[in-house]
Amino acid sequence: GELYTTALKGLTVKFWNVYGIEKDADKAHVITDFIHKGFKLGEFEMLTDGTEERQFLYAEDCCKALETIMYNYKDFKSTDDLHVTSFNSTSIRRVAEIIQGCFNTIGRYDVKINPGLAKDSVQMDKRNQPSNFIHSWWLPETSIDVGIHKVFDEIKREYLDD
């Protein structure tokens, strides 16, 4: 798809681990999965030891990036590297700790993190580095802590506002 898009002089945008409110449980990802399991089971199990890192981007920041690209479309060439990410790596273990802290804020001090024993077998400590070309037009605004708290607060309504 990228080859055809470039040939047609279109823009290719590369998204890095965008997260936000997910209503489709079949498409849950690590952040929403941990939160749901914390509410349902009182714990969440990690598939790995959690040392692997990802660059997570809050969905609202992603939307702002796309809006920026749209409004500045003529400033870009089809060969430009348009990476939409937070440009900050966070370990899965740190994500779990932030979520555990969210549970603590509502008095649920018993929610446990259960790390797995395995190392990440997908990335194996290899990291792609995004191009920061887009920084002249856009920068993410939401830290991982703030974004996770926003997602948590929304999901919390499903469990506590009944």
C-alpha atoms as a PDB file:
ATOM      1  CA  GLY A   1       0.000   0.000   0.000  1.00  0.00           C
ATOM      2  CA  GLU A   2       2.802   2.434   0.795  1.00  0.00           C
ATOM      3  CA  LEU A   3       4.408   1.834  -2.598  1.00  0.00           C
ATOM      4  CA  TYR A   4       1.166   2.626  -4.437  1.00  0.00           C
ATOM      5  CA  THR A   5       0.461   5.642  -2.239  1.00  0.00           C
ATOM      6  CA  THR A   6       3.932   7.046  -2.949  1.00  0.00           C
ATOM      7  CA  ALA A   7       3.539   6.357  -6.691  1.00  0.00           C
ATOM      8  CA  LEU A   8       0.273   8.307  -6.640  1.00  0.00           C
ATOM      9  CA  LYS A   9       2.022  11.177  -4.783  1.00  0.00           C
ATOM     10  CA  GLY A  10      -0.062  10.562  -1.680  1.00  0.00           C
ATOM     11  CA  LEU A  11       1.143  10.725   1.898  1.00  0.00           C
ATOM     12  CA  THR A  12       1.879   7.728   4.090  1.00  0.00           C
ATOM     13  CA  VAL A  13       1.430   8.215   7.812  1.00  0.00           C
ATOM     14  CA  LYS A  14       2.881   5.630  10.186  1.00  0.00           C
ATOM     15  CA  PHE A  15       1.075   5.183  13.487  1.00  0.00           C
ATOM     16  CA  TRP A  16       2.847   3.925  16.591  1.00  0.00           C
ATOM     17  CA  ASN A  17       0.745   2.205  19.277  1.00  0.00           C
ATOM     18  CA  VAL A  18      -2.217   4.560  19.356  1.00  0.00           C
ATOM     19  CA  TYR A  19      -4.422   3.977  22.401  1.00  0.00           C
ATOM     20  CA  GLY A  20      -7.656   5.405  23.706  1.00  0.00           C
ATOM     21  CA  ILE A  21     -11.184   4.392  24.577  1.00  0.00           C
ATOM     22  CA  GLU A  22     -12.059   1.090  22.917  1.00  0.00           C
ATOM     23  CA  LYS A  23     -15.647  -0.081  22.893  1.00  0.00           C
ATOM     24  CA  ASP A  24     -14.978  -3.273  20.916  1.00  0.00           C
ATOM     25  CA  ALA A  25     -13.644  -5.843  23.413  1.00  0.00           C
ATOM     26  CA  ASP A  26     -12.359  -7.987  20.538  1.00  0.00           C
ATOM     27  CA  LYS A  27      -9.871  -5.249  19.673  1.00  0.00           C
ATOM     28  CA  ALA A  28      -8.521  -4.630  23.150  1.00  0.00           C
ATOM     29  CA  HIS A  29      -4.865  -3.770  23.492  1.00  0.00           C
ATOM     30  CA  VAL A  30      -2.493  -3.797  26.430  1.00  0.00           C
ATOM     31  CA  ILE A  31      -3.735  -0.649  28.184  1.00  0.00           C
ATOM     32  CA  THR A  32      -7.459  -1.339  27.902  1.00  0.00           C
ATOM     33  CA  ASP A  33      -6.914  -5.042  28.487  1.00  0.00           C
ATOM     34  CA  PHE A  34      -5.079  -4.409  31.776  1.00  0.00           C
ATOM     35  CA  ILE A  35      -7.783  -1.996  32.952  1.00  0.00           C
ATOM     36  CA  HIS A  36     -10.654  -4.359  32.139  1.00  0.00           C
ATOM     37  CA  LYS A  37      -8.896  -7.293  33.805  1.00  0.00           C
ATOM     38  CA  GLY A  38      -8.209  -5.171  36.876  1.00  0.00           C
ATOM     39  CA  PHE A  39     -11.921  -4.463  37.257  1.00  0.00           C
ATOM     40  CA  LYS A  40     -13.108  -7.971  36.379  1.00  0.00           C
ATOM     41  CA  LEU A  41     -10.442 -10.109  38.037  1.00  0.00           C
ATOM     42  CA  GLY A  42      -8.692  -7.836  40.526  1.00  0.00           C
ATOM     43  CA  GLU A  43      -5.418  -8.525  38.740  1.00  0.00           C
ATOM     44  CA  PHE A  44      -3.878  -8.500  35.328  1.00  0.00           C
ATOM     45  CA  GLU A  45      -1.399 -10.937  33.940  1.00  0.00           C
ATOM     46  CA  MET A  46       1.379  -9.783  31.680  1.00  0.00           C
ATOM     47  CA  LEU A  47       2.450 -12.036  28.817  1.00  0.00           C
ATOM     48  CA  THR A  48       6.094 -11.091  29.371  1.00  0.00           C
ATOM     49  CA  ASP A  49       8.264  -9.748  32.167  1.00  0.00           C
ATOM     50  CA  GLY A  50       7.272  -6.254  31.004  1.00  0.00           C
ATOM     51  CA  THR A  51      10.741  -4.934  30.249  1.00  0.00           C
ATOM     52  CA  GLU A  52       9.996  -4.393  26.560  1.00  0.00           C
ATOM     53  CA  GLU A  53       9.218  -0.839  25.577  1.00  0.00           C
ATOM     54  CA  ARG A  54       6.756   0.773  23.193  1.00  0.00           C
ATOM     55  CA  GLN A  55       6.001   4.302  22.106  1.00  0.00           C
ATOM     56  CA  PHE A  56       2.358   4.867  23.027  1.00  0.00           C
ATOM     57  CA  LEU A  57       0.326   7.748  21.594  1.00  0.00           C
ATOM     58  CA  TYR A  58      -2.978   8.938  23.030  1.00  0.00           C
ATOM     59  CA  ALA A  59      -5.754   8.904  20.393  1.00  0.00           C
ATOM     60  CA  GLU A  60      -6.589  12.606  20.766  1.00  0.00           C
ATOM     61  CA  ASP A  61      -2.970  13.476  19.965  1.00  0.00           C
ATOM     62  CA  CYS A  62      -3.163  11.191  16.945  1.00  0.00           C
ATOM     63  CA  CYS A  63      -6.271  13.034  15.741  1.00  0.00           C
ATOM     64  CA  LYS A  64      -4.500  16.374  16.151  1.00  0.00           C
ATOM     65  CA  ALA A  65      -1.554  15.059  14.154  1.00  0.00           C
ATOM     66  CA  LEU A  66      -3.829  13.961  11.304  1.00  0.00           C
ATOM     67  CA  GLU A  67      -5.620  17.300  11.387  1.00  0.00           C
ATOM     68  CA  THR A  68      -2.265  19.079  11.219  1.00  0.00           C
ATOM     69  CA  ILE A  69      -1.180  16.949   8.270  1.00  0.00           C
ATOM     70  CA  MET A  70      -4.486  17.662   6.526  1.00  0.00           C
ATOM     71  CA  TYR A  71      -4.225  21.433   6.986  1.00  0.00           C
ATOM     72  CA  ASN A  72      -0.574  21.459   5.900  1.00  0.00           C
ATOM     73  CA  TYR A  73      -0.888  18.823   3.177  1.00  0.00           C
ATOM     74  CA  LYS A  74       0.888  20.931   0.540  1.00  0.00           C
ATOM     75  CA  ASP A  75       3.929  21.268   2.800  1.00  0.00           C
ATOM     76  CA  PHE A  76       4.636  17.534   2.521  1.00  0.00           C
ATOM     77  CA  LYS A  77       6.062  15.334  -0.202  1.00  0.00           C
ATOM     78  CA  SER A  78       5.045  11.722  -0.736  1.00  0.00           C
ATOM     79  CA  THR A  79       8.532  10.642   0.326  1.00  0.00           C
ATOM     80  CA  ASP A  80       8.422  12.409   3.703  1.00  0.00           C
ATOM     81  CA  ASP A  81       8.569  10.250   6.807  1.00  0.00           C
ATOM     82  CA  LEU A  82       5.390  11.056   8.721  1.00  0.00           C
ATOM     83  CA  HIS A  83       5.661   9.114  11.959  1.00  0.00           C
ATOM     84  CA  VAL A  84       2.865   9.802  14.433  1.00  0.00           C
ATOM     85  CA  THR A  85       4.047   8.714  17.858  1.00  0.00           C
ATOM     86  CA  SER A  86       4.786  10.058  21.318  1.00  0.00           C
ATOM     87  CA  PHE A  87       8.548   9.853  20.670  1.00  0.00           C
ATOM     88  CA  ASN A  88       8.882   8.469  24.215  1.00  0.00           C
ATOM     89  CA  SER A  89       9.395   4.805  25.038  1.00  0.00           C
ATOM     90  CA  THR A  90       7.591   3.296  28.012  1.00  0.00           C
ATOM     91  CA  SER A  91       8.003  -0.231  29.336  1.00  0.00           C
ATOM     92  CA  ILE A  92       4.968  -2.471  29.603  1.00  0.00           C
ATOM     93  CA  ARG A  93       5.834  -2.818  33.289  1.00  0.00           C
ATOM     94  CA  ARG A  94       5.583   0.975  33.697  1.00  0.00           C
ATOM     95  CA  VAL A  95       2.201   0.948  31.911  1.00  0.00           C
ATOM     96  CA  ALA A  96       1.033  -1.713  34.387  1.00  0.00           C
ATOM     97  CA  GLU A  97       2.269   0.368  37.332  1.00  0.00           C
ATOM     98  CA  ILE A  98       0.425   3.468  36.082  1.00  0.00           C
ATOM     99  CA  ILE A  99      -2.769   1.425  35.760  1.00  0.00           C
ATOM    100  CA  GLN A 100      -2.280  -0.063  39.219  1.00  0.00           C
ATOM    101  CA  GLY A 101      -1.944   3.516  40.498  1.00  0.00           C
ATOM    102  CA  CYS A 102      -5.270   4.387  38.836  1.00  0.00           C
ATOM    103  CA  PHE A 103      -6.919   1.600  40.807  1.00  0.00           C
ATOM    104  CA  ASN A 104      -5.297   2.942  43.983  1.00  0.00           C
ATOM    105  CA  THR A 105      -6.946   6.341  43.380  1.00  0.00           C
ATOM    106  CA  ILE A 106     -10.375   4.683  43.678  1.00  0.00           C
ATOM    107  CA  GLY A 107      -9.446   2.703  46.779  1.00  0.00           C
ATOM    108  CA  ARG A 108      -8.698  -0.560  44.995  1.00  0.00           C
ATOM    109  CA  TYR A 109      -5.290  -1.244  46.543  1.00  0.00           C
ATOM    110  CA  ASP A 110      -5.664  -4.990  45.996  1.00  0.00           C
ATOM    111  CA  VAL A 111      -5.333  -4.977  42.192  1.00  0.00           C
ATOM    112  CA  LYS A 112      -2.201  -6.968  41.408  1.00  0.00           C
ATOM    113  CA  ILE A 113       0.214  -7.012  38.496  1.00  0.00           C
ATOM    114  CA  ASN A 114       1.334 -10.522  37.573  1.00  0.00           C
ATOM    115  CA  PRO A 115       4.385 -10.289  35.318  1.00  0.00           C
ATOM    116  CA  GLY A 116       5.143 -13.212  33.076  1.00  0.00           C
ATOM    117  CA  LEU A 117       8.507 -14.929  33.082  1.00  0.00           C
ATOM    118  CA  ALA A 118       9.224 -14.714  29.384  1.00  0.00           C
ATOM    119  CA  LYS A 119      11.174 -12.001  27.653  1.00  0.00           C
ATOM    120  CA  ASP A 120       9.485 -10.333  24.687  1.00  0.00           C
ATOM    121  CA  SER A 121       9.990 -12.706  21.753  1.00  0.00           C
ATOM    122  CA  VAL A 122       8.705 -10.268  19.130  1.00  0.00           C
ATOM    123  CA  GLN A 123      10.968  -7.241  19.446  1.00  0.00           C
ATOM    124  CA  MET A 124      13.827  -8.944  21.298  1.00  0.00           C
ATOM    125  CA  ASP A 125      15.198  -5.542  22.420  1.00  0.00           C
ATOM    126  CA  LYS A 126      15.292  -4.239  18.839  1.00  0.00           C
ATOM    127  CA  ARG A 127      13.746  -0.811  18.478  1.00  0.00           C
ATOM    128  CA  ASN A 128      12.724   1.039  15.381  1.00  0.00           C
ATOM    129  CA  GLN A 129      13.345   4.739  15.673  1.00  0.00           C
ATOM    130  CA  PRO A 130      10.719   7.085  14.278  1.00  0.00           C
ATOM    131  CA  SER A 131      11.635  10.039  12.129  1.00  0.00           C
ATOM    132  CA  ASN A 132      10.990  13.311  13.933  1.00  0.00           C
ATOM    133  CA  PHE A 133      10.397  15.111  10.617  1.00  0.00           C
ATOM    134  CA  ILE A 134       6.844  15.974  11.699  1.00  0.00           C
ATOM    135  CA  HIS A 135       8.072  17.993  14.694  1.00  0.00           C
ATOM    136  CA  SER A 136       8.146  21.161  12.593  1.00  0.00           C
ATOM    137  CA  TRP A 137       4.341  20.925  12.377  1.00  0.00           C
ATOM    138  CA  TRP A 138       3.138  18.848  15.323  1.00  0.00           C
ATOM    139  CA  LEU A 139       4.182  17.539  18.734  1.00  0.00           C
ATOM    140  CA  PRO A 140       2.210  15.202  21.008  1.00  0.00           C
ATOM    141  CA  GLU A 141       0.724  16.840  24.094  1.00  0.00           C
ATOM    142  CA  THR A 142      -0.517  13.999  26.309  1.00  0.00           C
ATOM    143  CA  SER A 143       1.904  12.128  28.562  1.00  0.00           C
ATOM    144  CA  ILE A 144       1.434   8.392  29.032  1.00  0.00           C
ATOM    145  CA  ASP A 145       0.325   8.998  32.647  1.00  0.00           C
ATOM    146  CA  VAL A 146      -2.365  11.499  31.693  1.00  0.00           C
ATOM    147  CA  GLY A 147      -3.573   9.436  28.728  1.00  0.00           C
ATOM    148  CA  ILE A 148      -3.884   6.235  30.752  1.00  0.00           C
ATOM    149  CA  HIS A 149      -5.789   8.095  33.481  1.00  0.00           C
ATOM    150  CA  LYS A 150      -8.238   9.416  30.856  1.00  0.00           C
ATOM    151  CA  VAL A 151      -8.812   5.922  29.488  1.00  0.00           C
ATOM    152  CA  PHE A 152      -9.141   4.505  32.998  1.00  0.00           C
ATOM    153  CA  ASP A 153     -11.696   7.137  33.997  1.00  0.00           C
ATOM    154  CA  GLU A 154     -13.835   6.331  30.967  1.00  0.00           C
ATOM    155  CA  ILE A 155     -13.682   2.560  31.469  1.00  0.00           C
ATOM    156  CA  LYS A 156     -14.326   3.003  35.196  1.00  0.00           C
ATOM    157  CA  ARG A 157     -17.804   4.297  34.336  1.00  0.00           C
ATOM    158  CA  GLU A 158     -18.691   0.889  32.874  1.00  0.00           C
ATOM    159  CA  TYR A 159     -17.936  -0.787  36.186  1.00  0.00           C
ATOM    160  CA  LEU A 160     -18.755   1.755  38.889  1.00  0.00           C
ATOM    161  CA  ASP A 161     -21.560   3.912  37.493  1.00  0.00           C
ATOM    162  CA  ASP A 162     -24.108   1.108  37.181  1.00  0.00           C
END
